[in-house]
């Protein structure tokens, strides 16, 4: 149930960011949910491989290269989902940074208080 809520919250963040950012567009709610699922799958499968293969660049840049990896994940999601479009690398970079911030804030609402 928590995973389903995280997918829906990510889809909500995708919709909000697509309306705010000029280089990003999403065609509808279903496309936003598909984008959220695709981003989750890419983060589970592709992102660890990219981190492994670019580990020297990540170490040299003190981890800042992870922002580039996140932008690549967004560009891959753009290629895989028809109703989602990102105009370029810098739009994907800004989108990935803002999506991470939005997800952190929204997922903190799901945390159980002890």
PDB file of N, CA and C in Angstrom:
ATOM      1  N   UNK A   1       0.820  -1.189   0.000  1.00  0.00           N
ATOM      2  CA  UNK A   1       0.000   0.000   0.000  1.00  0.00           C
ATOM      3  C   UNK A   1       0.871   1.263   0.000  1.00  0.00           C
ATOM      4  N   UNK A   2       1.959   1.208   0.747  1.00  0.00           N
ATOM      5  CA  UNK A   2       2.843   2.368   0.829  1.00  0.00           C
ATOM      6  C   UNK A   2       3.526   2.628  -0.513  1.00  0.00           C
ATOM      7  N   UNK A   3       3.861   1.576  -1.237  1.00  0.00           N
ATOM      8  CA  UNK A   3       4.477   1.729  -2.554  1.00  0.00           C
ATOM      9  C   UNK A   3       3.506   2.384  -3.524  1.00  0.00           C
ATOM     10  N   UNK A   4       2.255   1.993  -3.466  1.00  0.00           N
ATOM     11  CA  UNK A   4       1.233   2.584  -4.330  1.00  0.00           C
ATOM     12  C   UNK A   4       1.069   4.073  -4.017  1.00  0.00           C
ATOM     13  N   UNK A   5       1.088   4.426  -2.750  1.00  0.00           N
ATOM     14  CA  UNK A   5       0.998   5.841  -2.375  1.00  0.00           C
ATOM     15  C   UNK A   5       2.215   6.622  -2.850  1.00  0.00           C
ATOM     16  N   UNK A   6       3.389   6.008  -2.781  1.00  0.00           N
ATOM     17  CA  UNK A   6       4.593   6.681  -3.262  1.00  0.00           C
ATOM     18  C   UNK A   6       4.529   6.916  -4.765  1.00  0.00           C
ATOM     19  N   UNK A   7       3.995   5.951  -5.507  1.00  0.00           N
ATOM     20  CA  UNK A   7       3.836   6.117  -6.953  1.00  0.00           C
ATOM     21  C   UNK A   7       2.872   7.262  -7.243  1.00  0.00           C
ATOM     22  N   UNK A   8       1.757   7.309  -6.513  1.00  0.00           N
ATOM     23  CA  UNK A   8       0.781   8.380  -6.729  1.00  0.00           C
ATOM     24  C   UNK A   8       1.347   9.746  -6.348  1.00  0.00           C
ATOM     25  N   UNK A   9       2.115   9.808  -5.270  1.00  0.00           N
ATOM     26  CA  UNK A   9       2.721  11.077  -4.874  1.00  0.00           C
ATOM     27  C   UNK A   9       3.775  11.523  -5.888  1.00  0.00           C
ATOM     28  N   UNK A  10       4.514  10.578  -6.438  1.00  0.00           N
ATOM     29  CA  UNK A  10       5.481  10.915  -7.480  1.00  0.00           C
ATOM     30  C   UNK A  10       4.765  11.406  -8.734  1.00  0.00           C
ATOM     31  N   UNK A  11       3.645  10.774  -9.081  1.00  0.00           N
ATOM     32  CA  UNK A  11       2.862  11.225 -10.233  1.00  0.00           C
ATOM     33  C   UNK A  11       2.326  12.633  -9.998  1.00  0.00           C
ATOM     34  N   UNK A  12       1.897  12.916  -8.784  1.00  0.00           N
ATOM     35  CA  UNK A  12       1.447  14.272  -8.448  1.00  0.00           C
ATOM     36  C   UNK A  12       2.577  15.275  -8.604  1.00  0.00           C
ATOM     37  N   UNK A  13       3.771  14.913  -8.142  1.00  0.00           N
ATOM     38  CA  UNK A  13       4.929  15.795  -8.286  1.00  0.00           C
ATOM     39  C   UNK A  13       5.289  15.999  -9.753  1.00  0.00           C
ATOM     40  N   UNK A  14       5.154  14.953 -10.576  1.00  0.00           N
ATOM     41  CA  UNK A  14       5.439  15.075 -12.013  1.00  0.00           C
ATOM     42  C   UNK A  14       4.463  16.051 -12.657  1.00  0.00           C
ATOM     43  N   UNK A  15       3.187  15.959 -12.290  1.00  0.00           N
ATOM     44  CA  UNK A  15       2.184  16.865 -12.855  1.00  0.00           C
ATOM     45  C   UNK A  15       2.463  18.304 -12.448  1.00  0.00           C
ATOM     46  N   UNK A  16       2.762  18.515 -11.174  1.00  0.00           N
ATOM     47  CA  UNK A  16       3.030  19.877 -10.694  1.00  0.00           C
ATOM     48  C   UNK A  16       4.263  20.455 -11.370  1.00  0.00           C
ATOM     49  N   UNK A  17       5.327  19.673 -11.461  1.00  0.00           N
ATOM     50  CA  UNK A  17       6.553  20.166 -12.087  1.00  0.00           C
ATOM     51  C   UNK A  17       6.381  20.382 -13.588  1.00  0.00           C
ATOM     52  N   UNK A  18       5.559  19.565 -14.228  1.00  0.00           N
ATOM     53  CA  UNK A  18       5.330  19.747 -15.664  1.00  0.00           C
ATOM     54  C   UNK A  18       4.567  21.034 -15.940  1.00  0.00           C
ATOM     55  N   UNK A  19       3.722  21.453 -15.013  1.00  0.00           N
ATOM     56  CA  UNK A  19       3.007  22.712 -15.213  1.00  0.00           C
ATOM     57  C   UNK A  19       3.882  23.912 -14.881  1.00  0.00           C
ATOM     58  N   UNK A  20       4.860  23.738 -14.009  1.00  0.00           N
ATOM     59  CA  UNK A  20       5.708  24.854 -13.582  1.00  0.00           C
ATOM     60  C   UNK A  20       6.910  25.045 -14.508  1.00  0.00           C
ATOM     61  N   UNK A  21       7.566  23.967 -14.876  1.00  0.00           N
ATOM     62  CA  UNK A  21       8.783  24.062 -15.683  1.00  0.00           C
ATOM     63  C   UNK A  21       8.443  24.196 -17.169  1.00  0.00           C
ATOM     64  N   UNK A  22       9.121  25.091 -17.869  1.00  0.00           N
ATOM     65  CA  UNK A  22       8.792  25.307 -19.279  1.00  0.00           C
ATOM     66  C   UNK A  22       9.253  24.195 -20.215  1.00  0.00           C
ATOM     67  N   UNK A  23      10.265  23.416 -19.882  1.00  0.00           N
ATOM     68  CA  UNK A  23      10.795  22.416 -20.795  1.00  0.00           C
ATOM     69  C   UNK A  23      10.233  21.031 -20.606  1.00  0.00           C
ATOM     70  N   UNK A  24       9.262  20.873 -19.704  1.00  0.00           N
ATOM     71  CA  UNK A  24       8.728  19.552 -19.381  1.00  0.00           C
ATOM     72  C   UNK A  24       7.224  19.568 -19.604  1.00  0.00           C
ATOM     73  N   UNK A  25       6.712  18.506 -20.230  1.00  0.00           N
ATOM     74  CA  UNK A  25       5.268  18.402 -20.415  1.00  0.00           C
ATOM     75  C   UNK A  25       4.821  16.961 -20.220  1.00  0.00           C
ATOM     76  N   UNK A  26       3.633  16.827 -19.678  1.00  0.00           N
ATOM     77  CA  UNK A  26       3.010  15.517 -19.498  1.00  0.00           C
ATOM     78  C   UNK A  26       1.576  15.644 -20.010  1.00  0.00           C
ATOM     79  N   UNK A  27       1.107  14.617 -20.713  1.00  0.00           N
ATOM     80  CA  UNK A  27      -0.176  14.746 -21.405  1.00  0.00           C
ATOM     81  C   UNK A  27      -1.381  14.539 -20.496  1.00  0.00           C
ATOM     82  N   UNK A  28      -1.224  13.817 -19.402  1.00  0.00           N
ATOM     83  CA  UNK A  28      -2.380  13.589 -18.529  1.00  0.00           C
ATOM     84  C   UNK A  28      -1.986  12.846 -17.274  1.00  0.00           C
ATOM     85  N   UNK A  29      -3.019  12.511 -16.513  1.00  0.00           N
ATOM     86  CA  UNK A  29      -2.781  11.841 -15.239  1.00  0.00           C
ATOM     87  C   UNK A  29      -2.250  10.425 -15.426  1.00  0.00           C
ATOM     88  N   UNK A  30      -2.783   9.727 -16.412  1.00  0.00           N
ATOM     89  CA  UNK A  30      -2.312   8.362 -16.659  1.00  0.00           C
ATOM     90  C   UNK A  30      -0.852   8.358 -17.103  1.00  0.00           C
ATOM     91  N   UNK A  31      -0.490   9.316 -17.924  1.00  0.00           N
ATOM     92  CA  UNK A  31       0.913   9.427 -18.337  1.00  0.00           C
ATOM     93  C   UNK A  31       1.809   9.743 -17.151  1.00  0.00           C
ATOM     94  N   UNK A  32       1.321  10.554 -16.238  1.00  0.00           N
ATOM     95  CA  UNK A  32       2.109  10.880 -15.045  1.00  0.00           C
ATOM     96  C   UNK A  32       2.313   9.653 -14.167  1.00  0.00           C
ATOM     97  N   UNK A  33       1.300   8.817 -14.052  1.00  0.00           N
ATOM     98  CA  UNK A  33       1.446   7.583 -13.263  1.00  0.00           C
ATOM     99  C   UNK A  33       2.418   6.635 -13.949  1.00  0.00           C
ATOM    100  N   UNK A  34       2.331   6.545 -15.268  1.00  0.00           N
ATOM    101  CA  UNK A  34       3.262   5.693 -16.011  1.00  0.00           C
ATOM    102  C   UNK A  34       4.693   6.219 -15.866  1.00  0.00           C
ATOM    103  N   UNK A  35       4.854   7.544 -15.929  1.00  0.00           N
ATOM    104  CA  UNK A  35       6.181   8.143 -15.730  1.00  0.00           C
ATOM    105  C   UNK A  35       6.708   7.809 -14.346  1.00  0.00           C
ATOM    106  N   UNK A  36       5.868   7.868 -13.333  1.00  0.00           N
ATOM    107  CA  UNK A  36       6.294   7.551 -11.964  1.00  0.00           C
ATOM    108  C   UNK A  36       6.742   6.094 -11.851  1.00  0.00           C
ATOM    109  N   UNK A  37       6.009   5.196 -12.492  1.00  0.00           N
ATOM    110  CA  UNK A  37       6.381   3.772 -12.458  1.00  0.00           C
ATOM    111  C   UNK A  37       7.689   3.548 -13.216  1.00  0.00           C
ATOM    112  N   UNK A  38       7.821   4.173 -14.379  1.00  0.00           N
ATOM    113  CA  UNK A  38       9.035   4.003 -15.189  1.00  0.00           C
ATOM    114  C   UNK A  38      10.250   4.574 -14.462  1.00  0.00           C
ATOM    115  N   UNK A  39      10.106   5.734 -13.831  1.00  0.00           N
ATOM    116  CA  UNK A  39      11.220   6.315 -13.070  1.00  0.00           C
ATOM    117  C   UNK A  39      11.604   5.406 -11.910  1.00  0.00           C
ATOM    118  N   UNK A  40      10.613   4.832 -11.238  1.00  0.00           N
ATOM    119  CA  UNK A  40      10.914   3.907 -10.138  1.00  0.00           C
ATOM    120  C   UNK A  40      11.665   2.681 -10.645  1.00  0.00           C
ATOM    121  N   UNK A  41      11.232   2.134 -11.777  1.00  0.00           N
ATOM    122  CA  UNK A  41      11.913   0.963 -12.334  1.00  0.00           C
ATOM    123  C   UNK A  41      13.322   1.305 -12.809  1.00  0.00           C
ATOM    124  N   UNK A  42      13.473   2.452 -13.454  1.00  0.00           N
ATOM    125  CA  UNK A  42      14.808   2.865 -13.906  1.00  0.00           C
ATOM    126  C   UNK A  42      15.732   3.120 -12.717  1.00  0.00           C
ATOM    127  N   UNK A  43      15.192   3.674 -11.637  1.00  0.00           N
ATOM    128  CA  UNK A  43      16.006   3.893 -10.440  1.00  0.00           C
ATOM    129  C   UNK A  43      16.441   2.582  -9.801  1.00  0.00           C
ATOM    130  N   UNK A  44      15.620   1.537  -9.962  1.00  0.00           N
ATOM    131  CA  UNK A  44      15.980   0.244  -9.377  1.00  0.00           C
ATOM    132  C   UNK A  44      16.953  -0.537 -10.248  1.00  0.00           C
ATOM    133  N   UNK A  45      16.848  -0.417 -11.571  1.00  0.00           N
ATOM    134  CA  UNK A  45      17.628  -1.268 -12.465  1.00  0.00           C
ATOM    135  C   UNK A  45      18.815  -0.528 -13.086  1.00  0.00           C
ATOM    136  N   UNK A  46      18.567   0.603 -13.708  1.00  0.00           N
ATOM    137  CA  UNK A  46      19.590   1.288 -14.500  1.00  0.00           C
ATOM    138  C   UNK A  46      20.507   2.155 -13.643  1.00  0.00           C
ATOM    139  N   UNK A  47      19.946   2.832 -12.659  1.00  0.00           N
ATOM    140  CA  UNK A  47      20.737   3.766 -11.862  1.00  0.00           C
ATOM    141  C   UNK A  47      21.918   3.103 -11.141  1.00  0.00           C
ATOM    142  N   UNK A  48      21.746   1.935 -10.518  1.00  0.00           N
ATOM    143  CA  UNK A  48      22.929   1.301  -9.899  1.00  0.00           C
ATOM    144  C   UNK A  48      24.027   0.962 -10.903  1.00  0.00           C
ATOM    145  N   UNK A  49      23.633   0.567 -12.105  1.00  0.00           N
ATOM    146  CA  UNK A  49      24.636   0.277 -13.138  1.00  0.00           C
ATOM    147  C   UNK A  49      25.376   1.543 -13.555  1.00  0.00           C
ATOM    148  N   UNK A  50      24.630   2.635 -13.744  1.00  0.00           N
ATOM    149  CA  UNK A  50      25.271   3.901 -14.101  1.00  0.00           C
ATOM    150  C   UNK A  50      26.202   4.386 -13.002  1.00  0.00           C
ATOM    151  N   UNK A  51      25.782   4.228 -11.763  1.00  0.00           N
ATOM    152  CA  UNK A  51      26.634   4.643 -10.641  1.00  0.00           C
ATOM    153  C   UNK A  51      27.908   3.808 -10.607  1.00  0.00           C
ATOM    154  N   UNK A  52      27.776   2.506 -10.855  1.00  0.00           N
ATOM    155  CA  UNK A  52      28.943   1.635 -10.837  1.00  0.00           C
ATOM    156  C   UNK A  52      29.933   2.010 -11.942  1.00  0.00           C
ATOM    157  N   UNK A  53      29.422   2.228 -13.148  1.00  0.00           N
ATOM    158  CA  UNK A  53      30.316   2.506 -14.274  1.00  0.00           C
ATOM    159  C   UNK A  53      30.898   3.918 -14.250  1.00  0.00           C
ATOM    160  N   UNK A  54      30.250   4.831 -13.553  1.00  0.00           N
ATOM    161  CA  UNK A  54      30.754   6.208 -13.479  1.00  0.00           C
ATOM    162  C   UNK A  54      31.291   6.531 -12.091  1.00  0.00           C
ATOM    163  N   UNK A  55      31.673   5.519 -11.350  1.00  0.00           N
ATOM    164  CA  UNK A  55      32.165   5.737  -9.987  1.00  0.00           C
ATOM    165  C   UNK A  55      33.379   6.664  -9.921  1.00  0.00           C
ATOM    166  N   UNK A  56      34.359   6.558 -10.814  1.00  0.00           N
ATOM    167  CA  UNK A  56      35.479   7.514 -10.741  1.00  0.00           C
ATOM    168  C   UNK A  56      35.042   8.969 -10.921  1.00  0.00           C
ATOM    169  N   UNK A  57      34.130   9.217 -11.859  1.00  0.00           N
ATOM    170  CA  UNK A  57      33.640  10.588 -12.061  1.00  0.00           C
ATOM    171  C   UNK A  57      32.848  11.061 -10.849  1.00  0.00           C
ATOM    172  N   UNK A  58      32.122  10.155 -10.229  1.00  0.00           N
ATOM    173  CA  UNK A  58      31.348  10.518  -9.039  1.00  0.00           C
ATOM    174  C   UNK A  58      32.275  10.857  -7.872  1.00  0.00           C
ATOM    175  N   UNK A  59      33.350  10.108  -7.732  1.00  0.00           N
ATOM    176  CA  UNK A  59      34.294  10.373  -6.644  1.00  0.00           C
ATOM    177  C   UNK A  59      35.036  11.683  -6.876  1.00  0.00           C
ATOM    178  N   UNK A  60      35.474  11.926  -8.103  1.00  0.00           N
ATOM    179  CA  UNK A  60      36.226  13.147  -8.413  1.00  0.00           C
ATOM    180  C   UNK A  60      35.364  14.387  -8.205  1.00  0.00           C
ATOM    181  N   UNK A  61      34.067  14.294  -8.543  1.00  0.00           N
ATOM    182  CA  UNK A  61      33.186  15.455  -8.401  1.00  0.00           C
ATOM    183  C   UNK A  61      32.486  15.508  -7.049  1.00  0.00           C
ATOM    184  N   UNK A  62      32.950  14.687  -6.105  1.00  0.00           N
ATOM    185  CA  UNK A  62      32.385  14.641  -4.756  1.00  0.00           C
ATOM    186  C   UNK A  62      30.885  14.356  -4.759  1.00  0.00           C
ATOM    187  N   UNK A  63      30.432  13.514  -5.669  1.00  0.00           N
ATOM    188  CA  UNK A  63      29.047  13.090  -5.728  1.00  0.00           C
ATOM    189  C   UNK A  63      28.145  13.954  -6.590  1.00  0.00           C
ATOM    190  N   UNK A  64      28.642  15.057  -7.104  1.00  0.00           N
ATOM    191  CA  UNK A  64      27.808  15.927  -7.925  1.00  0.00           C
ATOM    192  C   UNK A  64      27.434  15.288  -9.259  1.00  0.00           C
ATOM    193  N   UNK A  65      28.191  14.289  -9.695  1.00  0.00           N
ATOM    194  CA  UNK A  65      27.872  13.600 -10.945  1.00  0.00           C
ATOM    195  C   UNK A  65      26.574  12.808 -10.815  1.00  0.00           C
ATOM    196  N   UNK A  66      26.122  12.558  -9.588  1.00  0.00           N
ATOM    197  CA  UNK A  66      24.850  11.864  -9.399  1.00  0.00           C
ATOM    198  C   UNK A  66      23.681  12.685  -9.945  1.00  0.00           C
ATOM    199  N   UNK A  67      23.823  14.016  -9.958  1.00  0.00           N
ATOM    200  CA  UNK A  67      22.802  14.854 -10.578  1.00  0.00           C
ATOM    201  C   UNK A  67      22.711  14.572 -12.077  1.00  0.00           C
ATOM    202  N   UNK A  68      23.846  14.352 -12.704  1.00  0.00           N
ATOM    203  CA  UNK A  68      23.871  14.017 -14.128  1.00  0.00           C
ATOM    204  C   UNK A  68      23.213  12.658 -14.357  1.00  0.00           C
ATOM    205  N   UNK A  69      23.474  11.710 -13.485  1.00  0.00           N
ATOM    206  CA  UNK A  69      22.857  10.390 -13.598  1.00  0.00           C
ATOM    207  C   UNK A  69      21.345  10.495 -13.449  1.00  0.00           C
ATOM    208  N   UNK A  70      20.884  11.325 -12.518  1.00  0.00           N
ATOM    209  CA  UNK A  70      19.435  11.523 -12.362  1.00  0.00           C
ATOM    210  C   UNK A  70      18.829  12.155 -13.609  1.00  0.00           C
ATOM    211  N   UNK A  71      19.532  13.093 -14.223  1.00  0.00           N
ATOM    212  CA  UNK A  71      19.040  13.705 -15.462  1.00  0.00           C
ATOM    213  C   UNK A  71      18.979  12.675 -16.586  1.00  0.00           C
ATOM    214  N   UNK A  72      19.940  11.772 -16.639  1.00  0.00           N
ATOM    215  CA  UNK A  72      19.926  10.705 -17.651  1.00  0.00           C
ATOM    216  C   UNK A  72      18.730   9.782 -17.438  1.00  0.00           C
ATOM    217  N   UNK A  73      18.403   9.498 -16.184  1.00  0.00           N
ATOM    218  CA  UNK A  73      17.231   8.672 -15.874  1.00  0.00           C
ATOM    219  C   UNK A  73      15.953   9.368 -16.369  1.00  0.00           C
ATOM    220  N   UNK A  74      15.859  10.678 -16.173  1.00  0.00           N
ATOM    221  CA  UNK A  74      14.690  11.423 -16.641  1.00  0.00           C
ATOM    222  C   UNK A  74      14.624  11.404 -18.174  1.00  0.00           C
ATOM    223  N   UNK A  75      15.760  11.561 -18.835  1.00  0.00           N
ATOM    224  CA  UNK A  75      15.776  11.517 -20.299  1.00  0.00           C
ATOM    225  C   UNK A  75      15.405  10.127 -20.821  1.00  0.00           C
ATOM    226  N   UNK A  76      15.819   9.077 -20.108  1.00  0.00           N
ATOM    227  CA  UNK A  76      15.407   7.722 -20.488  1.00  0.00           C
ATOM    228  C   UNK A  76      13.900   7.544 -20.328  1.00  0.00           C
ATOM    229  N   UNK A  77      13.346   8.092 -19.258  1.00  0.00           N
ATOM    230  CA  UNK A  77      11.895   8.021 -19.057  1.00  0.00           C
ATOM    231  C   UNK A  77      11.169   8.783 -20.158  1.00  0.00           C
ATOM    232  N   UNK A  78      11.771   9.889 -20.615  1.00  0.00           N
ATOM    233  CA  UNK A  78      11.199  10.652 -21.730  1.00  0.00           C
ATOM    234  C   UNK A  78      11.127   9.791 -22.990  1.00  0.00           C
ATOM    235  N   UNK A  79      12.158   9.010 -23.242  1.00  0.00           N
ATOM    236  CA  UNK A  79      12.182   8.158 -24.438  1.00  0.00           C
ATOM    237  C   UNK A  79      11.223   6.974 -24.322  1.00  0.00           C
ATOM    238  N   UNK A  80      10.969   6.510 -23.104  1.00  0.00           N
ATOM    239  CA  UNK A  80      10.145   5.318 -22.921  1.00  0.00           C
ATOM    240  C   UNK A  80       8.652   5.604 -22.829  1.00  0.00           C
ATOM    241  N   UNK A  81       8.273   6.791 -22.358  1.00  0.00           N
ATOM    242  CA  UNK A  81       6.859   7.117 -22.150  1.00  0.00           C
ATOM    243  C   UNK A  81       6.423   8.116 -23.216  1.00  0.00           C
ATOM    244  N   UNK A  82       5.340   7.806 -23.912  1.00  0.00           N
ATOM    245  CA  UNK A  82       4.886   8.645 -25.015  1.00  0.00           C
ATOM    246  C   UNK A  82       4.321   9.994 -24.560  1.00  0.00           C
ATOM    247  N   UNK A  83       3.591  10.041 -23.480  1.00  0.00           N
ATOM    248  CA  UNK A  83       2.944  11.276 -23.059  1.00  0.00           C
ATOM    249  C   UNK A  83       3.803  12.177 -22.206  1.00  0.00           C
ATOM    250  N   UNK A  84       5.096  11.930 -22.155  1.00  0.00           N
ATOM    251  CA  UNK A  84       6.017  12.691 -21.314  1.00  0.00           C
ATOM    252  C   UNK A  84       7.135  13.206 -22.198  1.00  0.00           C
ATOM    253  N   UNK A  85       7.411  14.503 -22.110  1.00  0.00           N
ATOM    254  CA  UNK A  85       8.443  15.093 -22.965  1.00  0.00           C
ATOM    255  C   UNK A  85       9.303  16.054 -22.157  1.00  0.00           C
ATOM    256  N   UNK A  86      10.606  15.950 -22.364  1.00  0.00           N
ATOM    257  CA  UNK A  86      11.583  16.856 -21.757  1.00  0.00           C
ATOM    258  C   UNK A  86      12.391  17.449 -22.903  1.00  0.00           C
ATOM    259  N   UNK A  87      12.542  18.782 -22.895  1.00  0.00           N
ATOM    260  CA  UNK A  87      13.130  19.453 -24.057  1.00  0.00           C
ATOM    261  C   UNK A  87      14.639  19.259 -24.180  1.00  0.00           C
ATOM    262  N   UNK A  88      15.344  19.069 -23.088  1.00  0.00           N
ATOM    263  CA  UNK A  88      16.786  18.925 -23.190  1.00  0.00           C
ATOM    264  C   UNK A  88      17.408  18.496 -21.878  1.00  0.00           C
ATOM    265  N   UNK A  89      18.748  18.471 -21.878  1.00  0.00           N
ATOM    266  CA  UNK A  89      19.465  17.975 -20.714  1.00  0.00           C
ATOM    267  C   UNK A  89      19.268  18.881 -19.497  1.00  0.00           C
ATOM    268  N   UNK A  90      19.348  20.191 -19.687  1.00  0.00           N
ATOM    269  CA  UNK A  90      19.249  21.090 -18.536  1.00  0.00           C
ATOM    270  C   UNK A  90      17.836  21.117 -17.962  1.00  0.00           C
ATOM    271  N   UNK A  91      16.834  20.942 -18.802  1.00  0.00           N
ATOM    272  CA  UNK A  91      15.462  20.811 -18.303  1.00  0.00           C
ATOM    273  C   UNK A  91      15.320  19.525 -17.494  1.00  0.00           C
ATOM    274  N   UNK A  92      15.953  18.447 -17.972  1.00  0.00           N
ATOM    275  CA  UNK A  92      15.916  17.183 -17.230  1.00  0.00           C
ATOM    276  C   UNK A  92      16.673  17.300 -15.915  1.00  0.00           C
ATOM    277  N   UNK A  93      17.786  18.032 -15.931  1.00  0.00           N
ATOM    278  CA  UNK A  93      18.560  18.225 -14.708  1.00  0.00           C
ATOM    279  C   UNK A  93      17.753  18.989 -13.666  1.00  0.00           C
ATOM    280  N   UNK A  94      17.133  20.085 -14.073  1.00  0.00           N
ATOM    281  CA  UNK A  94      16.313  20.867 -13.152  1.00  0.00           C
ATOM    282  C   UNK A  94      15.105  20.070 -12.692  1.00  0.00           C
ATOM    283  N   UNK A  95      14.483  19.338 -13.603  1.00  0.00           N
ATOM    284  CA  UNK A  95      13.336  18.505 -13.256  1.00  0.00           C
ATOM    285  C   UNK A  95      13.728  17.440 -12.234  1.00  0.00           C
ATOM    286  N   UNK A  96      14.880  16.807 -12.427  1.00  0.00           N
ATOM    287  CA  UNK A  96      15.292  15.747 -11.499  1.00  0.00           C
ATOM    288  C   UNK A  96      15.610  16.300 -10.117  1.00  0.00           C
ATOM    289  N   UNK A  97      16.215  17.476 -10.061  1.00  0.00           N
ATOM    290  CA  UNK A  97      16.522  18.088  -8.759  1.00  0.00           C
ATOM    291  C   UNK A  97      15.233  18.447  -8.036  1.00  0.00           C
ATOM    292  N   UNK A  98      14.322  19.102  -8.744  1.00  0.00           N
ATOM    293  CA  UNK A  98      13.060  19.494  -8.113  1.00  0.00           C
ATOM    294  C   UNK A  98      12.197  18.284  -7.770  1.00  0.00           C
ATOM    295  N   UNK A  99      12.235  17.249  -8.600  1.00  0.00           N
ATOM    296  CA  UNK A  99      11.481  16.029  -8.302  1.00  0.00           C
ATOM    297  C   UNK A  99      12.014  15.366  -7.039  1.00  0.00           C
ATOM    298  N   UNK A 100      13.321  15.363  -6.868  1.00  0.00           N
ATOM    299  CA  UNK A 100      13.904  14.788  -5.648  1.00  0.00           C
ATOM    300  C   UNK A 100      13.470  15.560  -4.409  1.00  0.00           C
ATOM    301  N   UNK A 101      13.440  16.877  -4.521  1.00  0.00           N
ATOM    302  CA  UNK A 101      13.009  17.706  -3.382  1.00  0.00           C
ATOM    303  C   UNK A 101      11.535  17.458  -3.075  1.00  0.00           C
ATOM    304  N   UNK A 102      10.696  17.466  -4.125  1.00  0.00           N
ATOM    305  CA  UNK A 102       9.269  17.229  -3.922  1.00  0.00           C
ATOM    306  C   UNK A 102       9.027  15.859  -3.308  1.00  0.00           C
ATOM    307  N   UNK A 103       9.707  14.843  -3.831  1.00  0.00           N
ATOM    308  CA  UNK A 103       9.515  13.491  -3.304  1.00  0.00           C
ATOM    309  C   UNK A 103       9.955  13.396  -1.857  1.00  0.00           C
ATOM    310  N   UNK A 104      11.032  14.052  -1.491  1.00  0.00           N
ATOM    311  CA  UNK A 104      11.484  14.022  -0.099  1.00  0.00           C
ATOM    312  C   UNK A 104      10.444  14.630   0.835  1.00  0.00           C
ATOM    313  N   UNK A 105       9.886  15.758   0.401  1.00  0.00           N
ATOM    314  CA  UNK A 105       8.875  16.421   1.224  1.00  0.00           C
ATOM    315  C   UNK A 105       7.605  15.571   1.310  1.00  0.00           C
ATOM    316  N   UNK A 106       7.146  15.059   0.177  1.00  0.00           N
ATOM    317  CA  UNK A 106       5.911  14.275   0.170  1.00  0.00           C
ATOM    318  C   UNK A 106       6.072  12.939   0.885  1.00  0.00           C
ATOM    319  N   UNK A 107       7.225  12.293   0.723  1.00  0.00           N
ATOM    320  CA  UNK A 107       7.439  11.007   1.393  1.00  0.00           C
ATOM    321  C   UNK A 107       7.622  11.178   2.888  1.00  0.00           C
ATOM    322  N   UNK A 108       8.061  12.348   3.325  1.00  0.00           N
ATOM    323  CA  UNK A 108       8.180  12.574   4.774  1.00  0.00           C
ATOM    324  C   UNK A 108       6.799  12.609   5.427  1.00  0.00           C
ATOM    325  N   UNK A 109       5.778  12.912   4.648  1.00  0.00           N
ATOM    326  CA  UNK A 109       4.419  12.878   5.184  1.00  0.00           C
ATOM    327  C   UNK A 109       3.935  11.465   5.427  1.00  0.00           C
ATOM    328  N   UNK A 110       4.534  10.471   4.747  1.00  0.00           N
ATOM    329  CA  UNK A 110       4.150   9.080   4.905  1.00  0.00           C
ATOM    330  C   UNK A 110       4.847   8.393   6.075  1.00  0.00           C
ATOM    331  N   UNK A 111       5.859   9.016   6.619  1.00  0.00           N
ATOM    332  CA  UNK A 111       6.615   8.387   7.711  1.00  0.00           C
ATOM    333  C   UNK A 111       5.732   8.224   8.933  1.00  0.00           C
ATOM    334  N   UNK A 112       5.880   7.082   9.578  1.00  0.00           N
ATOM    335  CA  UNK A 112       5.119   6.837  10.795  1.00  0.00           C
ATOM    336  C   UNK A 112       5.828   7.458  11.965  1.00  0.00           C
ATOM    337  N   UNK A 113       5.079   8.114  12.812  1.00  0.00           N
ATOM    338  CA  UNK A 113       5.661   8.721  14.005  1.00  0.00           C
ATOM    339  C   UNK A 113       5.772   7.675  15.098  1.00  0.00           C
ATOM    340  N   UNK A 114       6.911   7.667  15.772  1.00  0.00           N
ATOM    341  CA  UNK A 114       7.126   6.653  16.820  1.00  0.00           C
ATOM    342  C   UNK A 114       7.045   7.269  18.192  1.00  0.00           C
TER     343      UNK A 114
END
